[in-house]
Protein backbone atom coordinates (compact mmCIF):
# COMPACT_ATOMS: atom_id res chain seq x y z
CA MET A 1 15.78 27.91 -0.11
CA THR A 2 17.26 29.17 -3.35
CA VAL A 3 18.75 32.62 -3.40
CA PRO A 4 20.40 34.53 -6.27
CA THR A 5 24.16 34.28 -6.49
CA GLY A 6 25.93 37.38 -5.34
CA ILE A 7 24.07 38.33 -2.20
CA GLY A 8 26.52 39.53 0.38
CA ASP A 9 29.63 38.28 -1.43
CA THR A 10 30.29 39.96 -4.75
CA PRO A 11 29.06 43.19 -6.32
CA GLY A 12 26.11 42.84 -8.69
CA THR A 13 26.77 43.29 -12.34
CA ASP A 14 23.37 42.70 -13.88
CA ASP A 15 21.68 45.81 -15.26
CA THR A 16 18.34 44.56 -16.46
CA ALA A 17 16.16 46.10 -13.73
CA GLY A 18 17.07 49.65 -13.18
CA GLY A 19 20.74 48.93 -12.74
CA THR A 20 20.27 46.43 -9.98
CA GLY A 21 22.67 43.92 -8.58
CA ALA A 22 22.07 40.24 -8.68
CA ALA A 23 20.67 40.16 -5.20
CA GLY A 24 18.00 42.69 -5.76
CA GLY A 25 14.59 41.71 -4.47
CA THR A 26 14.97 38.04 -3.72
CA GLY A 27 11.20 37.67 -3.49
CA LYS A 28 9.72 34.35 -2.34
CA ALA A 29 12.10 31.71 -1.16
CA GLY A 30 12.83 29.20 -3.88
CA ALA A 31 12.02 31.58 -6.73
CA ALA A 32 14.81 32.89 -8.95
CA ASP A 33 15.02 36.62 -9.36
CA GLU A 34 13.78 37.69 -12.81
CA ARG A 35 16.81 39.96 -13.19
CA LEU A 36 18.97 36.84 -13.41
CA ALA A 37 16.95 35.33 -16.22
CA ARG A 38 18.50 35.51 -19.68
CA SER A 39 16.33 37.50 -22.10
CA GLY A 40 16.52 39.51 -25.28
CA PRO A 41 17.05 43.29 -25.46
CA ALA A 42 13.34 43.99 -25.94
CA ARG A 43 12.35 42.08 -22.84
CA ARG A 44 15.15 43.62 -20.77
CA LEU A 45 13.89 47.04 -21.80
CA LEU A 46 10.30 46.23 -20.89
CA ILE A 47 11.12 45.18 -17.33
CA ARG A 48 13.28 48.22 -16.52
CA PRO A 49 11.50 50.10 -13.67
CA GLU A 50 12.23 53.53 -15.15
CA LEU A 51 10.70 52.73 -18.56
CA GLY A 52 7.25 54.10 -17.66
CA ALA A 53 8.78 57.28 -16.28
CA VAL A 54 10.84 57.87 -19.41
CA VAL A 55 7.80 57.38 -21.66
CA GLY A 56 5.80 59.66 -19.41
CA ALA A 57 8.49 62.33 -19.50
CA LEU A 58 8.57 62.29 -23.30
CA VAL A 59 4.75 62.59 -23.44
CA VAL A 60 4.69 65.46 -20.95
CA PHE A 61 7.48 67.29 -22.75
CA ALA A 62 5.78 66.92 -26.13
CA PHE A 63 2.46 68.04 -24.69
CA PHE A 64 3.75 71.28 -23.15
CA ALA A 65 6.28 71.95 -25.94
CA ALA A 66 3.43 71.93 -28.45
CA GLN A 67 1.60 74.64 -26.45
CA SER A 68 4.52 76.90 -25.54
CA PRO A 69 7.66 77.68 -27.53
CA VAL A 70 9.18 79.12 -24.36
CA PHE A 71 8.86 75.72 -22.65
CA ARG A 72 11.03 74.01 -25.27
CA SER A 73 13.62 76.80 -25.48
CA VAL A 74 16.96 76.61 -23.66
CA GLU A 75 15.72 79.19 -21.16
CA GLY A 76 12.58 77.14 -20.63
CA VAL A 77 14.57 73.95 -20.01
CA ALA A 78 16.70 75.81 -17.46
CA ASN A 79 13.51 77.03 -15.83
CA TRP A 80 11.89 73.65 -15.32
CA LEU A 81 15.14 71.87 -14.42
CA ASP A 82 15.50 74.21 -11.45
CA PRO A 83 12.69 72.69 -9.32
CA ALA A 84 13.42 69.26 -10.75
CA SER A 85 17.00 69.33 -9.46
CA THR A 86 16.30 69.88 -5.77
CA LEU A 87 13.32 67.52 -5.91
CA GLY A 88 15.42 65.01 -7.80
CA ILE A 89 18.19 64.91 -5.19
CA MET A 90 15.66 63.96 -2.53
CA ALA A 91 13.68 61.66 -4.81
CA VAL A 92 16.83 59.60 -5.59
CA ALA A 93 17.64 59.22 -1.91
CA ILE A 94 14.02 58.33 -1.08
CA ALA A 95 14.07 55.81 -3.96
CA LEU A 96 17.04 53.99 -2.40
CA LEU A 97 15.18 53.86 0.93
CA MET A 98 11.99 52.61 -0.73
CA ILE A 99 13.91 49.93 -2.64
CA GLY A 100 15.21 48.90 0.80
CA GLY A 101 11.58 48.54 1.93
CA GLU A 102 11.20 51.69 4.09
CA PHE A 103 9.73 55.21 4.03
CA ASP A 104 10.83 58.52 5.47
CA LEU A 105 8.12 61.09 6.10
CA SER A 106 10.55 63.40 7.94
CA ALA A 107 12.70 64.12 4.89
CA GLY A 108 10.81 67.26 3.82
CA VAL A 109 10.76 69.01 7.18
CA LEU A 110 14.40 68.01 7.77
CA THR A 111 15.45 70.21 4.84
CA GLY A 112 13.94 73.12 6.75
CA THR A 113 15.66 72.08 9.98
CA VAL A 114 19.02 72.02 8.21
CA GLY A 115 18.51 75.47 6.80
CA LEU A 116 17.45 76.90 10.17
CA VAL A 117 20.44 75.42 11.96
CA THR A 118 22.81 76.82 9.35
CA VAL A 119 21.34 80.31 9.34
CA VAL A 120 20.93 80.56 13.14
CA LEU A 121 24.44 79.41 13.93
CA SER A 122 26.08 81.64 11.36
CA THR A 123 24.01 84.82 11.87
CA ARG A 124 23.16 84.68 15.61
CA TYR A 125 26.21 82.94 17.06
CA GLY A 126 28.93 84.05 14.64
CA LEU A 127 29.94 80.55 13.55
CA PRO A 128 31.76 80.49 10.17
CA LEU A 129 29.32 79.48 7.45
CA TRP A 130 31.04 76.23 6.45
CA ALA A 131 31.29 75.25 10.14
CA ALA A 132 27.59 76.00 10.63
CA MET A 133 26.83 73.84 7.58
CA GLY A 134 28.97 71.10 9.09
CA VAL A 135 26.97 71.21 12.35
CA ALA A 136 23.76 71.12 10.31
CA LEU A 137 25.05 68.03 8.50
CA ALA A 138 25.82 66.35 11.84
CA VAL A 139 22.27 67.19 13.02
CA ALA A 140 20.75 65.73 9.87
CA LEU A 141 22.80 62.51 10.06
CA LEU A 142 21.87 62.13 13.74
CA VAL A 143 18.18 62.38 12.82
CA GLY A 144 18.67 59.76 10.14
CA LEU A 145 20.61 57.51 12.53
CA LEU A 146 17.88 57.76 15.17
CA ASN A 147 15.16 57.01 12.61
CA GLY A 148 17.04 53.95 11.47
CA LEU A 149 17.84 52.67 14.93
CA VAL A 150 14.25 52.99 16.14
CA VAL A 151 12.91 51.20 13.07
CA VAL A 152 15.33 48.26 13.18
CA ARG A 153 15.44 47.84 16.94
CA THR A 154 11.69 48.13 17.67
CA GLY A 155 10.25 46.67 14.49
CA LEU A 156 7.82 49.56 14.26
CA PRO A 157 6.77 50.60 10.72
CA SER A 158 9.01 53.32 9.33
CA PHE A 159 5.87 55.20 8.38
CA ILE A 160 4.96 55.65 12.06
CA VAL A 161 8.52 56.32 13.25
CA THR A 162 9.28 58.98 10.68
CA LEU A 163 5.83 60.55 11.03
CA ALA A 164 6.64 61.04 14.70
CA THR A 165 10.00 62.54 13.73
CA PHE A 166 8.21 64.82 11.24
CA LEU A 167 5.89 66.15 13.93
CA MET A 168 8.71 66.69 16.45
CA LEU A 169 10.93 68.47 13.93
CA GLN A 170 8.03 70.64 12.81
CA GLY A 171 7.42 71.68 16.40
CA VAL A 172 11.10 72.34 17.08
CA ASN A 173 11.47 74.39 13.89
CA LEU A 174 8.53 76.58 14.71
CA GLY A 175 9.14 76.90 18.45
CA ALA A 176 12.89 77.57 18.23
CA THR A 177 12.51 80.08 15.43
CA LYS A 178 9.86 82.05 17.29
CA ALA A 179 11.89 81.99 20.48
CA LEU A 180 15.00 83.34 18.73
CA THR A 181 13.48 85.86 16.37
CA GLY A 182 9.93 86.51 17.48
CA THR A 183 8.83 85.55 13.92
CA VAL A 184 8.71 82.37 11.89
CA GLN A 185 11.71 83.26 9.71
CA VAL A 186 15.46 83.59 10.12
CA GLY A 187 17.47 85.66 7.64
CA GLY A 188 20.64 87.63 7.14
CA LEU A 189 22.79 84.87 5.61
CA ARG A 190 24.04 87.19 2.90
CA ARG A 191 26.03 89.18 5.47
CA VAL A 192 27.93 86.11 6.76
CA GLU A 193 31.57 85.76 5.76
CA GLY A 194 32.04 83.03 3.18
CA TYR A 195 28.48 83.32 1.86
CA GLU A 196 29.47 84.11 -1.75
CA GLU A 197 31.84 81.19 -1.94
CA ALA A 198 29.33 78.76 -0.46
CA ARG A 199 26.58 80.05 -2.72
CA ALA A 200 28.77 79.60 -5.79
CA VAL A 201 29.28 75.94 -4.88
CA LEU A 202 25.70 75.05 -3.91
CA GLY A 203 23.32 77.81 -4.88
CA GLY A 204 24.87 79.56 -7.84
CA THR A 205 24.31 79.38 -11.57
CA ILE A 206 26.27 78.40 -14.70
CA THR A 207 25.68 79.71 -18.21
CA VAL A 208 25.00 77.17 -20.97
CA ALA A 209 23.98 78.19 -24.50
CA GLY A 210 23.08 81.64 -23.23
CA ALA A 211 20.78 80.41 -20.44
CA GLU A 212 21.50 80.27 -16.73
CA PHE A 213 21.22 76.82 -15.18
CA ARG A 214 21.36 76.26 -11.43
CA VAL A 215 24.41 74.50 -10.01
CA SER A 216 21.95 72.25 -8.19
CA VAL A 217 21.38 70.50 -11.55
CA LEU A 218 25.00 69.29 -11.44
CA TRP A 219 24.58 68.09 -7.85
CA TRP A 220 21.42 66.26 -8.91
CA LEU A 221 23.19 64.51 -11.78
CA ALA A 222 26.08 63.59 -9.48
CA VAL A 223 23.77 62.13 -6.82
CA THR A 224 21.86 60.18 -9.46
CA ALA A 225 25.08 58.80 -10.99
CA VAL A 226 26.48 57.70 -7.60
CA ALA A 227 23.21 56.13 -6.54
CA THR A 228 22.94 54.25 -9.84
CA TRP A 229 26.49 52.98 -9.51
CA VAL A 230 25.87 51.81 -5.95
CA LEU A 231 22.74 49.88 -6.99
CA ALA A 232 24.29 48.40 -10.13
CA ARG A 233 27.88 47.67 -9.22
CA THR A 234 28.38 47.31 -5.48
CA ARG A 235 27.72 44.84 -2.71
CA ALA A 236 25.73 47.54 -0.91
CA GLY A 237 23.40 47.68 -3.90
CA ASN A 238 22.85 43.92 -3.60
CA TRP A 239 22.01 44.39 0.08
CA ILE A 240 19.53 47.21 -0.62
CA PHE A 241 17.52 45.11 -3.06
CA ALA A 242 17.78 42.03 -0.86
CA VAL A 243 16.42 43.61 2.33
CA GLY A 244 13.63 45.32 0.39
CA GLY A 245 12.63 42.20 -1.51
CA ASP A 246 12.73 39.66 1.32
CA GLU A 247 14.45 40.72 4.51
CA ARG A 248 14.18 37.33 6.18
CA ALA A 249 15.82 35.55 3.22
CA ALA A 250 18.48 38.30 3.06
CA ARG A 251 19.37 37.78 6.69
CA ALA A 252 19.59 34.04 6.13
CA VAL A 253 22.40 34.49 3.59
CA GLY A 254 24.34 36.98 5.69
CA VAL A 255 23.11 40.37 4.51
CA PRO A 256 23.54 42.98 7.30
CA ALA A 257 19.92 44.12 7.12
CA GLU A 258 19.97 46.44 10.12
CA ARG A 259 23.14 48.18 9.05
CA THR A 260 21.86 48.56 5.52
CA LYS A 261 18.59 50.14 6.60
CA ILE A 262 20.27 52.53 9.03
CA ALA A 263 22.67 53.61 6.28
CA LEU A 264 19.70 54.27 3.97
CA PHE A 265 17.99 56.48 6.53
CA MET A 266 21.25 58.38 7.00
CA THR A 267 21.62 58.73 3.23
CA THR A 268 18.16 60.29 3.04
CA ALA A 269 19.13 62.66 5.86
CA GLY A 270 22.33 63.58 4.03
CA ALA A 271 20.31 64.42 0.92
CA ALA A 272 18.02 66.56 3.05
CA TRP A 273 21.11 68.45 4.27
CA LEU A 274 22.25 69.07 0.70
CA VAL A 275 18.82 70.34 -0.43
CA GLY A 276 18.31 72.39 2.72
CA SER A 277 21.73 74.03 2.30
CA ILE A 278 21.05 74.77 -1.35
CA MET A 279 17.76 76.46 -0.57
CA ALA A 280 19.15 78.44 2.37
CA LEU A 281 22.04 79.77 0.29
CA ARG A 282 19.78 80.56 -2.60
CA PHE A 283 17.21 82.57 -0.64
CA THR A 284 19.49 83.72 2.29
CA SER A 285 16.65 83.10 4.75
CA VAL A 286 14.62 80.13 5.97
CA GLN A 287 11.02 79.89 7.10
CA ALA A 288 10.08 77.64 10.02
CA GLY A 289 7.66 75.71 7.82
CA SER A 290 10.11 75.08 4.98
CA GLY A 291 9.90 71.58 3.49
CA VAL A 292 6.63 70.62 5.16
CA GLY A 293 4.52 68.62 2.69
CA GLN A 294 7.40 67.93 0.32
CA GLU A 295 7.95 64.44 1.71
CA PHE A 296 4.94 63.18 -0.22
CA VAL A 297 6.21 64.78 -3.41
CA TYR A 298 9.52 62.95 -3.00
CA ILE A 299 7.72 59.63 -2.59
CA ILE A 300 5.44 60.29 -5.57
CA ALA A 301 8.45 61.09 -7.74
CA ALA A 302 10.12 57.84 -6.71
CA VAL A 303 6.92 55.87 -7.41
CA ILE A 304 6.54 57.54 -10.81
CA GLY A 305 10.15 56.49 -11.42
CA GLY A 306 9.34 52.80 -10.90
CA CYS A 307 9.75 52.18 -7.15
CA LEU A 308 7.26 49.78 -5.61
CA LEU A 309 5.64 50.68 -2.29
CA THR A 310 6.40 47.13 -1.16
CA GLY A 311 10.17 47.52 -1.70
CA GLY A 312 12.75 45.49 -3.62
CA HIS A 313 12.24 47.17 -7.00
CA GLY A 314 13.10 50.48 -8.57
CA SER A 315 15.96 52.64 -9.79
CA ALA A 316 17.71 55.92 -9.09
CA ILE A 317 17.45 56.95 -12.72
CA GLY A 318 13.68 56.42 -12.59
CA ALA A 319 13.35 58.65 -9.55
CA ALA A 320 15.36 61.35 -11.32
CA VAL A 321 13.11 61.11 -14.37
CA GLY A 322 10.09 61.33 -12.06
CA ALA A 323 11.51 64.62 -10.75
CA VAL A 324 11.89 65.86 -14.37
CA ILE A 325 8.20 65.17 -14.92
CA PHE A 326 7.33 67.23 -11.86
CA GLY A 327 9.54 70.09 -13.01
CA MET A 328 8.06 70.08 -16.48
CA ALA A 329 4.51 70.00 -15.15
CA ASP A 330 5.20 72.73 -12.55
CA LYS A 331 6.51 75.20 -15.12
CA GLY A 332 4.68 73.87 -18.16
CA ILE A 333 1.28 74.65 -16.67
CA VAL A 334 2.44 78.24 -16.14
CA PHE A 335 3.93 78.56 -19.66
CA ALA A 336 0.70 77.16 -21.15
CA GLY A 337 -1.32 79.81 -19.31
CA TRP A 338 -3.30 77.34 -17.20
CA ASP A 339 -4.55 77.86 -13.68
CA ALA A 340 -1.79 76.61 -11.33
CA ASP A 341 -4.38 74.71 -9.32
CA TRP A 342 -4.39 72.04 -12.04
CA PHE A 343 -0.91 71.01 -10.89
CA THR A 344 -2.26 68.93 -7.96
CA PHE A 345 -4.69 67.16 -10.31
CA PHE A 346 -1.73 66.36 -12.55
CA LEU A 347 0.22 64.91 -9.59
CA GLY A 348 -2.64 62.64 -8.62
CA ALA A 349 -3.14 61.43 -12.18
CA MET A 350 0.59 60.73 -12.67
CA LEU A 351 0.74 58.80 -9.38
CA LEU A 352 -2.16 56.60 -10.32
CA LEU A 353 -0.89 55.94 -13.82
CA ALA A 354 2.65 55.21 -12.53
CA THR A 355 1.37 52.79 -9.91
CA LEU A 356 -0.63 50.91 -12.53
CA ALA A 357 2.33 50.85 -14.93
CA ASN A 358 4.67 49.61 -12.18
CA ARG A 359 2.26 46.85 -11.33
CA PHE A 360 2.10 45.73 -14.97
CA VAL A 361 5.90 45.81 -15.32
CA ARG A 362 6.41 43.81 -12.14
CA ARG A 363 3.88 41.16 -13.18
CA TYR A 364 5.46 40.90 -16.58
CA ALA A 365 8.87 40.51 -15.00
CA GLU A 366 7.60 37.75 -12.72
CA GLU A 367 6.05 35.92 -15.67
CA MET A 368 9.46 35.87 -17.36
CA ARG A 369 10.74 33.57 -14.64
CA HIS A 370 8.48 30.76 -15.75
């Protein structure tokens, strides 16, 4: 069996497939990874998983910018980067998990769980806000740990395991909120000591060129940068691509597959904590149904960004660009004066086109090996 050099021993340095390490996606035993093949700049560009998303983002921007001057203004950019930022944080984390060959359908509802834990502990039980957020982080990481352990120890599909977690968390969120408040919402965070400081860090705004941008945009850029560095320049990045491309081959060369997958589930949970905290601080209240349904949006953004549903291929930058497309479409439809119901049609069309583009890119990359 031939495997790419660098799996489990040295950090990957190749950047020809979405910033991946040498071990990314080992594929079939005996076949060299296309990311190790020497090729010209044009070919390297064509096999980058985020290429389709970047082209799509430019087309979407040009389309809506031509219809609305507000859309292309600084204020307009700030407007559509707002939803893109929180979506992008989760999409990047989900992309890492998908590259590792797994899914997490509990990520959306977990953002609501985090917010509820933070608000309840700080407003009902008098816990300092940062302490309440720390407990919420521990809860989120525990959920991620349990998801990962069940998947790797039982061999059950992560789709089933995290769907079960989704349903349980949805029930807990609704039942606990009703039991504590008699309604499906918990509020009052603004009155908690330390709220203004926490909001400035996670939920505040910064002024750029006369427009107010959400601080969450900076968090999104930071998360994307860290994830890209991990995939491109670390041993952990090699492991992620290896277990997603061919887990059996990865194990054969010493990759800690179980540990890697558990860490990915916990990373997704940590991102859910960040997004849930941002939303709770921004709105000062949390509904029991917060985040439900968003898990599919996260996955779609990752797929648009170049992640394969089969694992072993994708990039954090691509997922971030996929989130930008969502943000532009979400606000662009409004700026253009369209009926907002067209947004779901747009999502479906983008998912189909991205899947076809990813399939073409992957086939082209495989052909380069011969």
